[in-house]
């Protein structure tokens, strides 16, 4: 069996304290998840997300404007 390769950036999750993903007594709301809030405050996780998006070909860098943009931006 081939071993799955994971990014070292995800190892930060090993140090996550006990947190709720669903707030007891409330319907699930991703924006209220303590787990998601903690993860988004970790630079390693943000770098992991950005690097995956940047390498996905779903965004591109325009050197003339110095900005990144989604490949479908403006397509309605």
N, C-alpha and C. Protein backbone atom coordinates (compact mmCIF):
# COMPACT_ATOMS: atom_id res chain seq x y z
N UNK A 1 0.84 -1.18 0.00
CA UNK A 1 0.00 0.00 0.00
C UNK A 1 0.89 1.25 0.00
N UNK A 2 0.58 2.17 -0.86
CA UNK A 2 1.35 3.39 -0.98
C UNK A 2 1.00 4.35 0.16
N UNK A 3 2.00 4.94 0.74
CA UNK A 3 1.80 5.88 1.84
C UNK A 3 1.35 7.24 1.30
N UNK A 4 0.33 7.80 1.93
CA UNK A 4 -0.21 9.09 1.50
C UNK A 4 0.75 10.21 1.91
N UNK A 5 1.02 11.11 0.98
CA UNK A 5 1.91 12.24 1.24
C UNK A 5 1.07 13.43 1.69
N UNK A 6 1.45 14.02 2.82
CA UNK A 6 0.75 15.20 3.35
C UNK A 6 1.72 16.35 3.48
N UNK A 7 1.17 17.52 3.41
CA UNK A 7 1.97 18.71 3.60
C UNK A 7 2.36 18.85 5.07
N UNK A 8 3.59 19.25 5.30
CA UNK A 8 4.05 19.52 6.67
C UNK A 8 3.25 20.67 7.28
N UNK A 9 2.70 21.55 6.45
CA UNK A 9 1.91 22.67 6.96
C UNK A 9 0.69 22.20 7.73
N UNK A 10 0.19 21.01 7.45
CA UNK A 10 -0.99 20.51 8.14
C UNK A 10 -0.69 19.99 9.53
N UNK A 11 0.58 19.79 9.83
CA UNK A 11 0.94 19.26 11.14
C UNK A 11 0.62 20.21 12.29
N UNK A 12 0.36 21.47 12.00
CA UNK A 12 -0.03 22.42 13.03
C UNK A 12 -1.29 21.94 13.74
N UNK A 13 -2.14 21.19 13.03
CA UNK A 13 -3.38 20.70 13.62
C UNK A 13 -3.12 19.77 14.81
N UNK A 14 -1.94 19.17 14.87
CA UNK A 14 -1.60 18.31 16.00
C UNK A 14 -1.58 19.08 17.31
N UNK A 15 -1.42 20.39 17.24
CA UNK A 15 -1.34 21.23 18.44
C UNK A 15 -2.65 21.99 18.72
N UNK A 16 -3.72 21.62 18.03
CA UNK A 16 -5.00 22.31 18.22
C UNK A 16 -5.58 21.93 19.59
N UNK A 17 -6.00 22.94 20.35
CA UNK A 17 -6.62 22.66 21.65
C UNK A 17 -8.04 22.12 21.45
N UNK A 18 -8.70 21.65 22.52
CA UNK A 18 -10.08 21.19 22.39
C UNK A 18 -10.99 22.35 21.98
N UNK A 19 -11.68 22.18 20.86
CA UNK A 19 -12.56 23.22 20.33
C UNK A 19 -13.83 22.58 19.77
N UNK A 20 -14.90 23.35 19.73
CA UNK A 20 -16.16 22.87 19.14
C UNK A 20 -16.20 23.20 17.66
N UNK A 21 -16.72 22.26 16.90
CA UNK A 21 -16.94 22.51 15.47
C UNK A 21 -18.39 22.93 15.27
N UNK A 22 -19.27 22.32 16.03
CA UNK A 22 -20.67 22.70 16.08
C UNK A 22 -20.93 23.24 17.47
N UNK A 23 -21.50 24.41 17.56
CA UNK A 23 -21.80 25.02 18.85
C UNK A 23 -23.01 24.29 19.44
N UNK A 24 -22.86 23.73 20.64
CA UNK A 24 -23.98 22.98 21.23
C UNK A 24 -25.27 23.82 21.30
N UNK A 25 -26.37 23.19 20.90
CA UNK A 25 -27.66 23.84 20.96
C UNK A 25 -27.98 24.75 19.78
N UNK A 26 -27.07 24.83 18.81
CA UNK A 26 -27.27 25.68 17.64
C UNK A 26 -27.14 24.87 16.37
N UNK A 27 -27.81 25.31 15.31
CA UNK A 27 -27.58 24.63 14.03
C UNK A 27 -26.15 24.90 13.56
N UNK A 28 -25.59 23.96 12.80
CA UNK A 28 -24.21 24.12 12.34
C UNK A 28 -24.08 25.33 11.42
N UNK A 29 -23.04 26.12 11.68
CA UNK A 29 -22.71 27.29 10.87
C UNK A 29 -21.19 27.34 10.79
N UNK A 30 -20.64 27.13 9.62
CA UNK A 30 -19.19 27.05 9.44
C UNK A 30 -18.46 28.28 9.97
N UNK A 31 -19.07 29.44 9.85
CA UNK A 31 -18.43 30.68 10.30
C UNK A 31 -18.36 30.79 11.82
N UNK A 32 -19.13 29.95 12.53
CA UNK A 32 -19.12 29.97 13.99
C UNK A 32 -18.25 28.86 14.57
N UNK A 33 -17.69 28.00 13.75
CA UNK A 33 -16.87 26.89 14.20
C UNK A 33 -15.61 27.38 14.89
N UNK A 34 -15.41 26.96 16.13
CA UNK A 34 -14.17 27.31 16.84
C UNK A 34 -12.97 26.67 16.16
N UNK A 35 -13.16 25.47 15.63
CA UNK A 35 -12.08 24.75 14.94
C UNK A 35 -11.63 25.55 13.72
N UNK A 36 -12.58 25.99 12.89
CA UNK A 36 -12.24 26.73 11.68
C UNK A 36 -11.59 28.07 12.04
N UNK A 37 -12.11 28.74 13.04
CA UNK A 37 -11.52 30.02 13.46
C UNK A 37 -10.08 29.83 13.91
N UNK A 38 -9.81 28.76 14.67
CA UNK A 38 -8.44 28.50 15.13
C UNK A 38 -7.53 28.21 13.94
N UNK A 39 -8.01 27.35 13.02
CA UNK A 39 -7.19 27.00 11.86
C UNK A 39 -6.85 28.23 11.02
N UNK A 40 -7.82 29.11 10.82
CA UNK A 40 -7.58 30.30 10.00
C UNK A 40 -6.66 31.32 10.66
N UNK A 41 -6.39 31.13 11.93
CA UNK A 41 -5.42 31.99 12.63
C UNK A 41 -4.02 31.41 12.62
N UNK A 42 -3.83 30.27 11.92
CA UNK A 42 -2.51 29.62 11.85
C UNK A 42 -1.86 29.94 10.51
N UNK A 43 -0.73 30.65 10.52
CA UNK A 43 -0.05 30.99 9.26
C UNK A 43 0.27 29.78 8.38
N UNK A 44 0.63 28.64 8.99
CA UNK A 44 0.95 27.45 8.20
C UNK A 44 -0.27 26.99 7.40
N UNK A 45 -1.44 27.06 8.00
CA UNK A 45 -2.67 26.65 7.31
C UNK A 45 -2.99 27.63 6.18
N UNK A 46 -2.84 28.91 6.45
CA UNK A 46 -3.11 29.92 5.41
C UNK A 46 -2.14 29.74 4.24
N UNK A 47 -0.88 29.48 4.52
CA UNK A 47 0.10 29.23 3.45
C UNK A 47 -0.27 27.98 2.66
N UNK A 48 -0.71 26.94 3.34
CA UNK A 48 -1.11 25.71 2.68
C UNK A 48 -2.28 25.96 1.73
N UNK A 49 -3.30 26.67 2.21
CA UNK A 49 -4.46 26.98 1.38
C UNK A 49 -4.04 27.81 0.17
N UNK A 50 -3.29 28.87 0.41
CA UNK A 50 -2.89 29.75 -0.69
C UNK A 50 -2.04 29.00 -1.72
N UNK A 51 -1.08 28.22 -1.26
CA UNK A 51 -0.21 27.50 -2.19
C UNK A 51 -1.01 26.53 -3.05
N UNK A 52 -2.01 25.88 -2.47
CA UNK A 52 -2.85 24.96 -3.25
C UNK A 52 -3.68 25.71 -4.28
N UNK A 53 -4.22 26.84 -3.91
CA UNK A 53 -5.01 27.63 -4.85
C UNK A 53 -4.11 28.19 -5.96
N UNK A 54 -2.97 28.73 -5.56
CA UNK A 54 -2.04 29.31 -6.54
C UNK A 54 -1.58 28.27 -7.56
N UNK A 55 -1.38 27.04 -7.12
CA UNK A 55 -0.90 25.98 -8.00
C UNK A 55 -2.02 25.27 -8.75
N UNK A 56 -3.26 25.67 -8.52
CA UNK A 56 -4.40 24.99 -9.12
C UNK A 56 -4.73 25.46 -10.54
N UNK A 57 -4.16 26.55 -10.97
CA UNK A 57 -4.48 27.19 -12.25
C UNK A 57 -5.87 27.82 -12.25
N UNK A 58 -6.45 28.00 -11.05
CA UNK A 58 -7.73 28.69 -10.93
C UNK A 58 -7.54 30.19 -10.74
N UNK A 59 -6.31 30.59 -10.48
CA UNK A 59 -5.97 32.01 -10.35
C UNK A 59 -4.71 32.26 -11.15
N UNK A 60 -4.50 33.51 -11.50
CA UNK A 60 -3.26 33.87 -12.19
C UNK A 60 -2.80 35.24 -11.71
N UNK A 61 -1.51 35.46 -11.87
CA UNK A 61 -0.88 36.72 -11.48
C UNK A 61 -0.69 37.58 -12.72
N UNK A 62 -1.11 38.83 -12.63
CA UNK A 62 -0.94 39.78 -13.72
C UNK A 62 0.23 40.69 -13.35
N UNK A 63 1.38 40.52 -13.98
CA UNK A 63 2.54 41.34 -13.62
C UNK A 63 2.36 42.83 -13.94
N UNK A 64 1.47 43.14 -14.86
CA UNK A 64 1.24 44.55 -15.19
C UNK A 64 0.50 45.28 -14.07
N UNK A 65 -0.44 44.59 -13.41
CA UNK A 65 -1.21 45.21 -12.33
C UNK A 65 -0.66 44.85 -10.96
N UNK A 66 0.15 43.78 -10.89
CA UNK A 66 0.66 43.31 -9.61
C UNK A 66 -0.40 42.63 -8.77
N UNK A 67 -1.46 42.11 -9.43
CA UNK A 67 -2.57 41.50 -8.70
C UNK A 67 -2.84 40.08 -9.18
N UNK A 68 -3.43 39.29 -8.27
CA UNK A 68 -3.91 37.95 -8.58
C UNK A 68 -5.39 38.04 -8.90
N UNK A 69 -5.85 37.12 -9.74
CA UNK A 69 -7.26 37.14 -10.15
C UNK A 69 -7.72 35.73 -10.48
N UNK A 70 -9.00 35.44 -10.22
CA UNK A 70 -9.58 34.16 -10.60
C UNK A 70 -9.74 34.11 -12.10
N UNK A 71 -9.52 32.93 -12.67
CA UNK A 71 -9.57 32.80 -14.13
C UNK A 71 -10.97 33.07 -14.70
N UNK A 72 -12.00 32.90 -13.89
CA UNK A 72 -13.36 33.14 -14.37
C UNK A 72 -13.95 34.47 -13.90
N UNK A 73 -13.13 35.30 -13.27
CA UNK A 73 -13.64 36.58 -12.77
C UNK A 73 -14.22 37.39 -13.93
N UNK A 74 -15.43 37.88 -13.73
CA UNK A 74 -16.06 38.70 -14.74
C UNK A 74 -16.86 37.92 -15.75
N UNK A 75 -16.78 36.59 -15.70
CA UNK A 75 -17.60 35.76 -16.60
C UNK A 75 -18.97 35.57 -15.95
N UNK A 76 -19.97 36.22 -16.51
CA UNK A 76 -21.32 36.06 -15.93
C UNK A 76 -22.20 35.23 -16.80
